[in-house]
């Protein structure tokens, strides 16, 4: 398995664990309704998503070492953003439809803008890893 492929697999696993951890904290702490009232809850979520971004950023920065990236890796890295873009757009479409349908009459609570932003970052990170893994899978089928 190529180093880029290993990092993408690690990024995928991390991204899924990261998202599940945030969801579990939201469920355990009482959900969106208690988020605004509980500073400890907000700090836990902030720590999870900022810490996750830092960890994921470090993981992805190690991908940029040119000595570890060959021509095939560059081709795959060039195509991965397509998967990433579509995943982000799809997640934003889902958020838009769900939130407007649920809160049509009373207005969308501001907390959801925070959640949309966090989830978009997580979806982007996970989708980049998926795009890389799909690229390797497609390259492997063509060999």
Protein backbone atom coordinates (compact mmCIF):
# COMPACT_ATOMS: atom_id res chain seq x y z
CA UNK A 1 0.00 0.00 0.00
CA UNK A 2 1.40 3.39 -1.01
CA UNK A 3 2.12 5.99 1.73
CA UNK A 4 -0.55 8.32 0.33
CA UNK A 5 -3.07 5.49 0.35
CA UNK A 6 -2.20 4.63 3.96
CA UNK A 7 -2.63 8.24 5.02
CA UNK A 8 -5.95 8.46 3.19
CA UNK A 9 -7.17 5.32 4.95
CA UNK A 10 -5.99 6.77 8.26
CA UNK A 11 -7.72 10.06 7.43
CA UNK A 12 -10.95 8.23 6.62
CA UNK A 13 -10.88 6.27 9.88
CA UNK A 14 -10.00 9.40 11.85
CA UNK A 15 -12.74 11.44 10.15
CA UNK A 16 -15.40 8.85 10.92
CA UNK A 17 -14.25 8.55 14.56
CA UNK A 18 -14.14 12.36 14.80
CA UNK A 19 -17.70 12.73 13.51
CA UNK A 20 -19.01 9.95 15.75
CA UNK A 21 -17.31 11.50 18.80
CA UNK A 22 -18.99 14.85 18.13
CA UNK A 23 -22.38 13.19 17.59
CA UNK A 24 -22.03 11.17 20.79
CA UNK A 25 -21.15 14.28 22.80
CA UNK A 26 -24.20 16.05 21.37
CA UNK A 27 -26.45 13.14 22.31
CA UNK A 28 -25.00 12.69 25.81
CA UNK A 29 -25.02 16.42 26.62
CA UNK A 30 -28.63 16.99 25.54
CA UNK A 31 -28.44 18.08 21.92
CA UNK A 32 -28.87 21.41 20.25
CA UNK A 33 -31.32 22.73 22.84
CA UNK A 34 -28.70 22.67 25.64
CA UNK A 35 -25.72 23.76 23.55
CA UNK A 36 -26.32 27.47 24.06
CA UNK A 37 -26.79 27.14 27.82
CA UNK A 38 -23.92 24.82 28.73
CA UNK A 39 -20.46 26.38 28.40
CA UNK A 40 -18.76 23.06 29.22
CA UNK A 41 -20.64 21.42 26.36
CA UNK A 42 -19.53 24.17 23.96
CA UNK A 43 -15.91 23.88 25.11
CA UNK A 44 -15.92 20.09 24.60
CA UNK A 45 -17.28 20.52 21.06
CA UNK A 46 -14.82 23.33 20.31
CA UNK A 47 -11.97 21.16 21.55
CA UNK A 48 -13.12 18.21 19.46
CA UNK A 49 -13.46 20.09 16.21
CA UNK A 50 -10.41 22.35 16.57
CA UNK A 51 -8.28 19.45 17.81
CA UNK A 52 -9.59 17.32 14.96
CA UNK A 53 -8.74 19.98 12.41
CA UNK A 54 -5.21 20.31 13.77
CA UNK A 55 -4.69 16.54 13.75
CA UNK A 56 -6.13 16.19 10.25
CA UNK A 57 -4.07 19.15 9.03
CA UNK A 58 -0.87 17.56 10.33
CA UNK A 59 -1.84 14.27 8.69
CA UNK A 60 -2.47 15.97 5.34
CA UNK A 61 0.66 18.14 5.53
CA UNK A 62 2.74 14.98 5.66
CA UNK A 63 1.23 14.09 2.27
CA UNK A 64 2.89 17.07 0.69
CA UNK A 65 6.43 15.72 1.05
CA UNK A 66 7.44 15.50 -2.57
CA UNK A 67 9.87 12.64 -1.94
CA UNK A 68 6.93 10.41 -0.97
CA UNK A 69 4.64 11.39 -3.86
CA UNK A 70 5.08 9.81 -7.28
CA UNK A 71 3.35 10.58 -10.58
CA UNK A 72 0.40 8.28 -9.85
CA UNK A 73 -0.07 9.95 -6.44
CA UNK A 74 -0.08 13.41 -8.05
CA UNK A 75 -2.72 12.27 -10.53
CA UNK A 76 -4.87 10.87 -7.72
CA UNK A 77 -4.40 14.02 -5.59
CA UNK A 78 -5.50 16.08 -8.58
CA UNK A 79 -8.75 14.15 -8.94
CA UNK A 80 -9.65 13.75 -5.24
CA UNK A 81 -11.04 17.32 -4.93
CA UNK A 82 -13.89 16.38 -7.29
CA UNK A 83 -15.18 13.86 -4.74
CA UNK A 84 -14.54 16.38 -1.99
CA UNK A 85 -16.48 19.14 -3.73
CA UNK A 86 -19.51 16.97 -4.46
CA UNK A 87 -19.60 15.66 -0.90
CA UNK A 88 -19.52 19.21 0.51
CA UNK A 89 -22.22 20.41 -1.90
CA UNK A 90 -24.38 17.37 -1.11
CA UNK A 91 -24.04 17.92 2.65
CA UNK A 92 -24.97 21.60 2.28
CA UNK A 93 -28.03 20.66 0.21
CA UNK A 94 -29.12 18.23 2.93
CA UNK A 95 -28.62 20.83 5.67
CA UNK A 96 -30.57 23.43 3.67
CA UNK A 97 -33.53 21.18 2.97
CA UNK A 98 -33.75 19.67 6.47
CA UNK A 99 -33.34 22.92 8.37
CA UNK A 100 -35.78 24.91 6.24
CA UNK A 101 -38.40 22.16 6.44
CA UNK A 102 -38.09 21.75 10.22
CA UNK A 103 -37.85 25.44 11.08
CA UNK A 104 -39.91 26.96 8.29
CA UNK A 105 -42.26 28.94 10.53
CA UNK A 106 -40.05 29.86 13.48
CA UNK A 107 -36.67 30.56 11.85
CA UNK A 108 -33.48 28.55 12.05
CA UNK A 109 -31.69 28.82 15.43
CA UNK A 110 -28.18 30.33 15.07
CA UNK A 111 -26.56 27.20 16.58
CA UNK A 112 -27.17 25.42 13.30
CA UNK A 113 -24.80 27.73 11.42
CA UNK A 114 -22.09 26.48 13.78
CA UNK A 115 -23.09 22.87 13.12
CA UNK A 116 -23.26 23.39 9.36
CA UNK A 117 -19.74 24.84 9.40
CA UNK A 118 -18.31 22.03 11.57
CA UNK A 119 -19.99 19.28 9.57
CA UNK A 120 -18.83 20.81 6.27
CA UNK A 121 -15.22 20.70 7.47
CA UNK A 122 -15.58 17.09 8.58
CA UNK A 123 -17.30 16.07 5.34
CA UNK A 124 -14.56 17.78 3.35
CA UNK A 125 -11.82 15.98 5.27
CA UNK A 126 -13.47 12.57 5.00
CA UNK A 127 -14.33 13.09 1.32
CA UNK A 128 -10.73 13.95 0.47
CA UNK A 129 -9.63 10.62 1.93
CA UNK A 130 -12.43 8.81 0.10
CA UNK A 131 -11.43 10.55 -3.16
CA UNK A 132 -7.84 9.39 -2.74
CA UNK A 133 -8.92 5.82 -1.95
CA UNK A 134 -11.26 5.79 -4.96
CA UNK A 135 -8.36 7.00 -7.11
CA UNK A 136 -6.18 4.10 -5.99
CA UNK A 137 -9.02 1.65 -6.46
CA UNK A 138 -9.60 2.89 -10.03
CA UNK A 139 -5.88 2.84 -10.81
CA UNK A 140 -5.64 -0.70 -9.46
CA UNK A 141 -8.48 -1.86 -11.71
CA UNK A 142 -6.76 -0.39 -14.76
CA UNK A 143 -3.41 -2.10 -14.13
